Amino acid sequence: MASNGIRDRVAIVGMGCTSFGERWDKSVGDLLVESSQDALKSASIPVDAVDAFWLGTLFSGQSGLTLSRPLKLAYKPVSRLENYCATGSEAFRNACYAVACGAYDVAMAIGVEKLKDSGISGLPSIGAPEDGTRAGLTAPATFSLLAPAYAKKYGVDEATFKEAMTRIAWKNHKNGALNPRAQFRKEVAKDVIACSPQVAGQLGIFDCSGVSDGSAAAIVVRAEDAYKYTDKPLFVKALSFIAGPATGPIDPDYDYTTFPEVVASATDAYAQAGIKDPRAELAMAEVHDCFTPTELVLMEDLGFAPRGTAWKEVLNGTFDLEGELAVNPDGGLKSFGHPIGASGLRMLFEAWLQLRGEAGKRQIASVARGRKLALTHNLGGAPGECVSFVSVVGSERS
């Protein structure tokens, strides 16, 4: 059963996003100031006008002081939270609910992470499982299991599946090359992607997203107040957050061709938003492309392609910037980068730009043709043990 939702009760009236990458010259506080000031400027309000703040960060802060100190907040409520790689989306969800219930008039959701100053090449370790089921695996190792499972189940030969993975990386780098905030702003040739050094299983370097430093922020208000702050607000249509039972690692029959948590959160979000055919109704989607086979599987879990066909749709260009449904028009995690606490809000930032017609060279044509809805999807964890967030926002209040 779908959750009741808060459809059209909350609006985004300001957003900001830093550039992502190796921000050696910026501290966590610097990044928070940069994104929050951009968001405040776009909403035309001072920081004192914000009633409450939700800070999402997994590794870069332990309390609300991480935000209150650099922003010089004068006795304001600041909640620090995390939910794996979906941390930024969790901050946004909580801020929206606080406004929808009437607790606050104006709230800010802000996410940040600074990962490049450590000696760790990927995400910091979160420790081995305590239930004795298995040794901890790296993220590339766990997500690499998607590729052979999908190819076997749907009869796709290894070379063809590799071609589909390569095209996803190529697409996202091509989109990222048009994005001045992206961590990687160069197109990469398909042959270079295809022969990149192996990381785990069939995954090469270009099949993996990069971690980075960055921050993103959103300001939300009650929908009826939205036009006091901007002439082009976005209205929240759906927010769905699902945690799975985390039994995949101990289930010998676990199906690595789908994320049940994503299916559940998408089904819930579509019911809240009144969406019947997401591929036909959405202008764009930002999805959690931590690895190329993840994006492919998500195309089916989110209802953008029938089961067993996403690889064909990828090769046909369905999800290209100029395709039927643009997926990750800002470059996604693959090209934009992945500062954990900021990624969910970064996805919403692209929806903010696209639905307002402000995305520049990567502006999606379907917005001009009348599509007014955008989806963001944020995943946290690994196959068989994850959380999933899906939001739908729109440029009109129904």
Protein backbone atom coordinates (compact mmCIF):
# COMPACT_ATOMS: atom_id res chain seq x y z
CA MET A 1 0.00 0.00 0.00
CA ALA A 2 1.30 3.46 -0.85
CA SER A 3 2.05 5.96 1.89
CA ASN A 4 -0.31 8.91 2.15
CA GLY A 5 2.29 11.33 0.83
CA ILE A 6 2.37 15.12 0.82
CA ARG A 7 1.60 15.76 -2.84
CA ASP A 8 1.68 19.47 -3.72
CA ARG A 9 1.89 20.57 -0.09
CA VAL A 10 5.57 21.58 -0.20
CA ALA A 11 7.58 23.52 -2.78
CA ILE A 12 11.26 24.00 -3.49
CA VAL A 13 11.96 27.72 -3.84
CA GLY A 14 15.74 27.82 -3.84
CA MET A 15 18.64 25.50 -4.60
CA GLY A 16 22.41 25.65 -4.66
CA CYS A 17 25.20 23.27 -5.58
CA THR A 18 28.97 23.53 -5.50
CA SER A 19 31.21 22.06 -8.12
CA PHE A 20 32.17 18.49 -7.20
CA GLY A 21 35.70 17.14 -7.30
CA GLU A 22 39.00 17.35 -5.47
CA ARG A 23 38.30 20.52 -3.53
CA TRP A 24 41.63 20.67 -1.72
CA ASP A 25 41.29 24.39 -1.04
CA LYS A 26 37.87 24.11 0.64
CA SER A 27 36.91 22.81 4.07
CA VAL A 28 33.60 21.14 4.92
CA GLY A 29 32.44 24.49 6.27
CA ASP A 30 33.48 26.31 3.10
CA LEU A 31 31.45 23.90 0.97
CA LEU A 32 28.40 24.29 3.22
CA VAL A 33 28.62 28.08 3.01
CA GLU A 34 28.94 27.98 -0.77
CA SER A 35 25.90 25.78 -1.45
CA SER A 36 23.71 27.39 1.21
CA GLN A 37 24.46 30.90 -0.02
CA ASP A 38 23.55 29.88 -3.58
CA ALA A 39 20.26 28.42 -2.34
CA LEU A 40 19.45 31.48 -0.23
CA LYS A 41 20.23 33.79 -3.12
CA SER A 42 17.92 31.92 -5.49
CA ALA A 43 15.11 32.14 -2.91
CA SER A 44 15.91 35.81 -2.21
CA ILE A 45 16.03 35.32 1.57
CA PRO A 46 18.67 35.74 4.30
CA VAL A 47 19.77 32.77 6.36
CA ASP A 48 17.88 34.14 9.38
CA ALA A 49 14.62 33.58 7.49
CA VAL A 50 15.15 29.81 7.58
CA ASP A 51 13.40 28.27 10.58
CA ALA A 52 15.15 24.89 10.70
CA PHE A 53 17.91 22.95 8.99
CA TRP A 54 18.54 19.30 8.12
CA LEU A 55 22.16 18.40 7.45
CA GLY A 56 23.00 15.19 5.63
CA THR A 57 26.54 13.88 5.97
CA LEU A 58 27.88 10.37 6.45
CA PHE A 59 31.53 10.95 7.30
CA SER A 60 32.07 14.72 7.45
CA GLY A 61 30.31 15.72 10.66
CA GLN A 62 28.83 14.36 13.87
CA SER A 63 26.26 16.96 14.92
CA GLY A 64 24.33 20.04 13.92
CA LEU A 65 27.36 22.10 14.89
CA THR A 66 28.93 21.03 11.60
CA LEU A 67 26.47 23.42 9.94
CA SER A 68 25.70 26.00 12.62
CA ARG A 69 29.35 26.98 13.06
CA PRO A 70 30.20 27.96 9.44
CA LEU A 71 26.77 29.50 8.79
CA LYS A 72 26.91 31.38 12.12
CA LEU A 73 23.37 30.31 12.94
CA ALA A 74 21.87 32.04 15.95
CA TYR A 75 20.13 29.35 18.01
CA LYS A 76 18.37 27.51 15.21
CA PRO A 77 17.41 23.81 15.18
CA VAL A 78 19.89 21.79 13.10
CA SER A 79 19.41 18.03 12.72
CA ARG A 80 22.34 15.98 11.43
CA LEU A 81 21.39 12.66 9.86
CA GLU A 82 22.65 9.93 7.54
CA ASN A 83 21.25 7.00 5.60
CA TYR A 84 24.13 5.51 3.64
CA CYS A 85 24.55 6.99 0.14
CA ALA A 86 20.94 8.23 0.27
CA THR A 87 21.84 10.68 3.05
CA GLY A 88 21.14 13.85 1.05
CA SER A 89 17.71 12.57 0.07
CA GLU A 90 16.97 11.75 3.71
CA ALA A 91 17.77 15.34 4.69
CA PHE A 92 15.40 16.59 2.00
CA ARG A 93 12.61 14.22 3.04
CA ASN A 94 12.79 15.33 6.67
CA ALA A 95 12.79 19.02 5.78
CA CYS A 96 9.75 18.53 3.54
CA TYR A 97 7.82 16.66 6.21
CA ALA A 98 8.62 19.36 8.78
CA VAL A 99 7.13 22.03 6.52
CA ALA A 100 4.17 19.89 5.43
CA CYS A 101 3.09 19.22 9.02
CA GLY A 102 3.22 22.92 9.87
CA ALA A 103 6.11 22.75 12.32
CA TYR A 104 8.11 25.28 10.28
CA ASP A 105 7.42 27.75 7.49
CA VAL A 106 10.85 27.65 5.83
CA ALA A 107 13.37 24.81 6.04
CA MET A 108 16.71 24.02 4.47
CA ALA A 109 17.99 20.58 3.51
CA ILE A 110 21.71 20.55 2.91
CA GLY A 111 24.20 17.79 2.25
CA VAL A 112 27.97 17.72 2.27
CA GLU A 113 30.87 15.32 2.11
CA LYS A 114 34.62 15.78 1.88
CA LEU A 115 36.24 12.49 0.90
CA LYS A 116 39.35 13.41 -1.09
CA ASP A 117 41.46 14.42 1.91
CA SER A 118 41.70 10.83 3.16
CA GLY A 119 44.15 8.17 2.06
CA ILE A 120 41.32 5.88 1.00
CA SER A 121 40.74 5.48 -2.73
CA GLY A 122 37.01 4.79 -2.47
CA LEU A 123 34.45 5.06 0.30
CA PRO A 124 35.78 4.73 3.85
CA SER A 125 35.22 1.31 5.37
CA ILE A 126 32.15 0.93 7.58
CA GLY A 127 33.35 -2.28 9.22
CA ALA A 128 32.71 -5.98 8.74
CA PRO A 129 29.26 -7.50 9.34
CA GLU A 130 28.58 -8.57 12.92
CA ASP A 131 26.34 -11.54 12.12
CA GLY A 132 29.11 -13.84 10.93
CA THR A 133 27.63 -14.28 7.48
CA ARG A 134 30.51 -13.08 5.30
CA ALA A 135 33.54 -10.89 5.13
CA GLY A 136 32.96 -7.33 4.03
CA LEU A 137 33.22 -6.81 0.27
CA THR A 138 34.13 -3.66 -1.59
CA ALA A 139 31.39 -1.73 -3.37
CA PRO A 140 32.72 -2.66 -6.85
CA ALA A 141 32.79 -6.33 -5.86
CA THR A 142 29.18 -6.42 -4.67
CA PHE A 143 27.75 -4.43 -7.57
CA SER A 144 29.80 -6.41 -10.11
CA LEU A 145 27.51 -9.36 -9.34
CA LEU A 146 24.71 -7.61 -11.26
CA ALA A 147 26.38 -8.03 -14.65
CA PRO A 148 26.73 -11.84 -14.92
CA ALA A 149 23.39 -12.39 -13.20
CA TYR A 150 21.54 -10.16 -15.67
CA ALA A 151 23.33 -11.57 -18.72
CA LYS A 152 22.58 -15.15 -17.68
CA LYS A 153 18.93 -14.55 -16.79
CA TYR A 154 18.09 -12.75 -20.03
CA GLY A 155 20.42 -14.57 -22.41
CA VAL A 156 22.65 -11.60 -23.24
CA ASP A 157 26.15 -12.57 -24.31
CA GLU A 158 29.03 -11.07 -22.35
CA ALA A 159 30.32 -8.91 -25.21
CA THR A 160 26.90 -7.35 -25.82
CA PHE A 161 26.34 -6.67 -22.15
CA LYS A 162 29.77 -5.07 -21.91
CA GLU A 163 28.82 -2.87 -24.86
CA ALA A 164 25.71 -1.72 -22.98
CA MET A 165 27.75 -0.96 -19.85
CA THR A 166 30.24 0.95 -21.96
CA ARG A 167 27.49 3.03 -23.55
CA ILE A 168 26.11 4.02 -20.15
CA ALA A 169 29.53 5.31 -19.09
CA TRP A 170 29.97 7.05 -22.45
CA LYS A 171 26.55 8.73 -22.15
CA ASN A 172 27.15 10.00 -18.64
CA HIS A 173 30.60 11.35 -19.46
CA LYS A 174 29.16 13.04 -22.55
CA ASN A 175 26.49 14.70 -20.41
CA GLY A 176 29.01 15.62 -17.73
CA ALA A 177 31.20 17.35 -20.30
CA LEU A 178 28.37 19.90 -20.65
CA ASN A 179 28.19 20.50 -16.89
CA PRO A 180 30.53 23.12 -15.40
CA ARG A 181 30.00 21.71 -11.88
CA ALA A 182 30.88 18.09 -12.73
CA GLN A 183 33.96 16.36 -11.35
CA PHE A 184 34.83 14.85 -14.75
CA ARG A 185 34.13 17.26 -17.60
CA LYS A 186 35.53 15.36 -20.57
CA GLU A 187 33.93 13.01 -23.03
CA VAL A 188 35.54 9.57 -23.09
CA ALA A 189 35.66 7.40 -26.22
CA LYS A 190 33.86 4.07 -26.08
CA ASP A 191 36.99 2.09 -26.96
CA VAL A 192 38.85 3.72 -24.07
CA ILE A 193 36.02 2.86 -21.69
CA ALA A 194 35.78 -0.72 -22.94
CA CYS A 195 39.47 -1.50 -22.40
CA SER A 196 39.95 0.32 -19.09
CA PRO A 197 41.74 -1.61 -16.31
CA GLN A 198 39.61 -4.19 -14.51
CA VAL A 199 38.41 -3.38 -11.00
CA ALA A 200 36.07 -6.24 -10.07
CA GLY A 201 34.36 -8.87 -12.20
CA GLN A 202 33.42 -7.27 -15.51
CA LEU A 203 33.73 -3.75 -14.09
CA GLY A 204 36.53 -1.54 -15.39
CA ILE A 205 37.57 1.83 -14.02
CA PHE A 206 35.08 3.68 -16.24
CA ASP A 207 32.22 1.49 -14.98
CA CYS A 208 32.70 2.99 -11.50
CA SER A 209 31.68 6.41 -10.22
CA GLY A 210 34.21 8.54 -8.39
CA VAL A 211 33.94 9.86 -4.85
CA SER A 212 34.42 13.58 -4.41
CA ASP A 213 34.06 16.68 -2.27
CA GLY A 214 30.92 18.79 -2.62
CA SER A 215 27.72 20.18 -1.18
CA ALA A 216 24.16 20.89 -2.33
CA ALA A 217 21.20 22.57 -0.65
CA ALA A 218 17.45 23.11 -1.06
CA ILE A 219 15.02 25.52 0.58
CA VAL A 220 11.44 24.34 1.00
CA VAL A 221 8.25 26.16 2.02
CA ARG A 222 4.52 25.48 2.03
CA ALA A 223 3.23 25.26 -1.52
CA GLU A 224 0.77 28.13 -1.06
CA ASP A 225 3.68 30.42 -0.17
CA ALA A 226 5.97 29.36 -3.02
CA TYR A 227 5.43 32.32 -5.32
CA LYS A 228 6.47 34.73 -2.58
CA TYR A 229 10.03 33.51 -3.12
CA THR A 230 10.35 32.63 -6.80
CA ASP A 231 8.31 32.76 -9.98
CA LYS A 232 9.38 29.21 -10.88
CA PRO A 233 9.07 26.91 -7.86
CA LEU A 234 9.08 23.12 -8.01
CA PHE A 235 6.31 21.28 -6.21
CA VAL A 236 6.96 18.04 -4.36
CA LYS A 237 4.75 15.31 -5.79
CA ALA A 238 6.14 12.26 -4.04
CA LEU A 239 8.71 11.18 -1.46
CA SER A 240 9.28 7.48 -0.81
CA PHE A 241 12.00 5.92 1.32
CA ILE A 242 12.24 2.14 1.70
CA ALA A 243 14.63 0.00 3.75
CA GLY A 244 14.95 -3.66 2.79
CA PRO A 245 15.36 -6.64 5.14
CA ALA A 246 19.07 -6.96 4.21
CA THR A 247 18.81 -10.73 3.69
CA GLY A 248 20.41 -10.83 0.25
CA PRO A 249 23.92 -11.76 1.42
CA ILE A 250 22.62 -14.86 3.22
CA ASP A 251 20.12 -15.91 0.54
CA PRO A 252 21.67 -18.38 -1.94
CA ASP A 253 18.81 -17.73 -4.36
CA TYR A 254 18.95 -13.94 -4.24
CA ASP A 255 18.16 -12.37 -7.62
CA TYR A 256 20.91 -9.89 -8.53
CA THR A 257 18.95 -8.59 -11.54
CA THR A 258 16.70 -6.35 -9.45
CA PHE A 259 16.61 -4.21 -6.31
CA PRO A 260 13.29 -5.01 -4.57
CA GLU A 261 13.74 -1.89 -2.45
CA VAL A 262 13.82 0.26 -5.59
CA VAL A 263 10.72 -1.41 -7.00
CA ALA A 264 8.88 -0.79 -3.73
CA SER A 265 9.93 2.86 -3.44
CA ALA A 266 9.14 3.56 -7.09
CA THR A 267 5.72 1.93 -6.83
CA ASP A 268 4.96 4.00 -3.75
CA ALA A 269 6.21 7.24 -5.33
CA TYR A 270 4.21 6.73 -8.52
CA ALA A 271 1.06 6.11 -6.48
CA GLN A 272 1.64 9.31 -4.51
CA ALA A 273 2.27 11.35 -7.66
CA GLY A 274 -0.50 9.75 -9.72
CA ILE A 275 1.95 8.53 -12.37
CA LYS A 276 0.77 5.64 -14.55
CA ASP A 277 3.48 5.53 -17.24
CA PRO A 278 6.75 7.01 -15.95
CA ARG A 279 8.57 6.69 -19.25
CA ALA A 280 5.90 8.74 -21.00
CA GLU A 281 5.15 11.21 -18.21
CA LEU A 282 8.59 12.15 -16.88
CA ALA A 283 10.78 14.77 -18.52
CA MET A 284 13.95 13.32 -16.98
CA ALA A 285 15.33 11.08 -14.27
CA GLU A 286 18.41 11.28 -12.09
CA VAL A 287 19.32 7.80 -10.86
CA HIS A 288 21.98 6.29 -8.63
CA ASP A 289 24.50 5.13 -11.24
CA CYS A 290 27.21 4.11 -8.79
CA PHE A 291 28.25 1.49 -11.36
CA THR A 292 27.14 1.06 -14.97
CA PRO A 293 25.19 -2.21 -14.45
CA THR A 294 23.36 -0.49 -11.59
CA GLU A 295 21.95 2.13 -13.96
CA LEU A 296 20.90 -0.59 -16.39
CA VAL A 297 19.03 -2.57 -13.73
CA LEU A 298 17.42 0.63 -12.41
CA MET A 299 15.87 1.31 -15.82
CA GLU A 300 13.74 -1.79 -15.28
CA ASP A 301 13.14 -1.38 -11.54
CA LEU A 302 11.88 2.18 -12.10
CA GLY A 303 9.56 1.08 -14.90
CA PHE A 304 11.43 2.77 -17.74
CA ALA A 305 11.89 -0.50 -19.65
CA PRO A 306 10.29 -3.97 -19.54
CA ARG A 307 12.22 -6.73 -17.79
CA GLY A 308 15.13 -8.05 -19.81
CA THR A 309 15.09 -5.18 -22.34
CA ALA A 310 16.98 -2.30 -20.72
CA TRP A 311 20.24 -3.31 -22.42
CA LYS A 312 18.54 -2.89 -25.81
CA GLU A 313 17.10 0.50 -24.81
CA VAL A 314 20.54 1.64 -23.67
CA LEU A 315 22.14 0.64 -26.96
CA ASN A 316 19.31 2.33 -28.89
CA GLY A 317 19.88 5.65 -27.09
CA THR A 318 16.51 5.75 -25.33
CA PHE A 319 18.04 7.32 -22.22
CA ASP A 320 20.41 9.74 -23.95
CA LEU A 321 20.10 13.50 -23.51
CA GLU A 322 18.26 13.61 -26.84
CA GLY A 323 16.42 10.32 -26.25
CA GLU A 324 12.87 9.51 -25.25
CA LEU A 325 13.64 9.84 -21.52
CA ALA A 326 16.87 11.57 -20.53
CA VAL A 327 18.57 9.78 -17.64
CA ASN A 328 21.33 11.51 -15.67
CA PRO A 329 21.49 14.61 -17.91
CA ASP A 330 23.98 16.20 -15.50
CA GLY A 331 26.41 13.28 -15.82
CA GLY A 332 25.17 11.30 -12.83
CA LEU A 333 27.40 9.92 -10.12
CA LYS A 334 29.64 8.65 -12.90
CA SER A 335 30.65 12.09 -14.15
CA PHE A 336 29.35 14.62 -11.62
CA GLY A 337 30.89 12.71 -8.70
CA HIS A 338 29.62 11.25 -5.44
CA PRO A 339 30.12 13.21 -2.20
CA ILE A 340 27.77 10.95 -0.27
CA GLY A 341 25.80 13.45 1.78
CA ALA A 342 25.30 15.80 -1.16
CA SER A 343 24.39 13.41 -3.98
CA GLY A 344 20.64 13.16 -3.39
CA LEU A 345 20.31 16.94 -3.30
CA ARG A 346 22.56 17.26 -6.36
CA MET A 347 20.05 15.13 -8.26
CA LEU A 348 17.26 17.49 -7.22
CA PHE A 349 19.40 20.43 -8.30
CA GLU A 350 19.45 19.08 -11.85
CA ALA A 351 15.66 18.69 -11.77
CA TRP A 352 15.49 22.30 -10.54
CA LEU A 353 17.54 23.53 -13.49
CA GLN A 354 15.88 21.38 -16.14
CA LEU A 355 12.24 22.02 -15.20
CA ARG A 356 12.95 25.76 -14.96
CA GLY A 357 14.65 25.74 -18.38
CA GLU A 358 18.01 26.79 -16.94
CA ALA A 359 20.25 23.82 -17.82
CA GLY A 360 22.05 25.53 -20.69
CA LYS A 361 23.69 23.26 -23.28
CA ARG A 362 22.22 20.13 -21.70
CA GLN A 363 18.64 21.45 -21.55
CA ILE A 364 16.17 18.65 -22.30
CA ALA A 365 13.83 19.27 -25.21
CA SER A 366 10.92 17.40 -23.61
CA VAL A 367 10.50 20.21 -21.07
CA ALA A 368 9.75 22.66 -23.87
CA ARG A 369 7.33 20.09 -25.31
CA GLY A 370 5.30 20.14 -22.11
CA ARG A 371 6.67 17.46 -19.79
CA LYS A 372 6.67 18.93 -16.30
CA LEU A 373 7.79 16.10 -13.97
CA ALA A 374 11.22 14.88 -12.90
CA LEU A 375 12.29 11.88 -10.84
CA THR A 376 15.28 11.40 -8.59
CA HIS A 377 16.45 8.03 -7.28
CA ASN A 378 19.04 7.58 -4.55
CA LEU A 379 20.35 4.19 -3.36
CA GLY A 380 22.27 3.39 -0.20
CA GLY A 381 24.03 0.14 0.61
CA ALA A 382 24.58 -2.79 -1.73
CA PRO A 383 22.54 -5.39 -3.65
CA GLY A 384 20.51 -7.40 -1.18
CA GLU A 385 21.02 -4.95 1.69
CA CYS A 386 20.06 -1.42 0.78
CA VAL A 387 17.77 1.55 1.21
CA SER A 388 16.09 3.32 -1.70
CA PHE A 389 14.66 6.81 -2.10
CA VAL A 390 12.49 8.04 -4.98
CA SER A 391 11.14 11.56 -5.33
CA VAL A 392 8.98 13.17 -7.99
CA VAL A 393 8.89 16.94 -8.39
CA GLY A 394 6.99 19.08 -10.87
CA SER A 395 6.87 22.62 -12.20
CA GLU A 396 3.09 22.95 -11.76
CA ARG A 397 0.81 22.43 -8.77
CA SER A 398 -2.18 20.28 -9.60
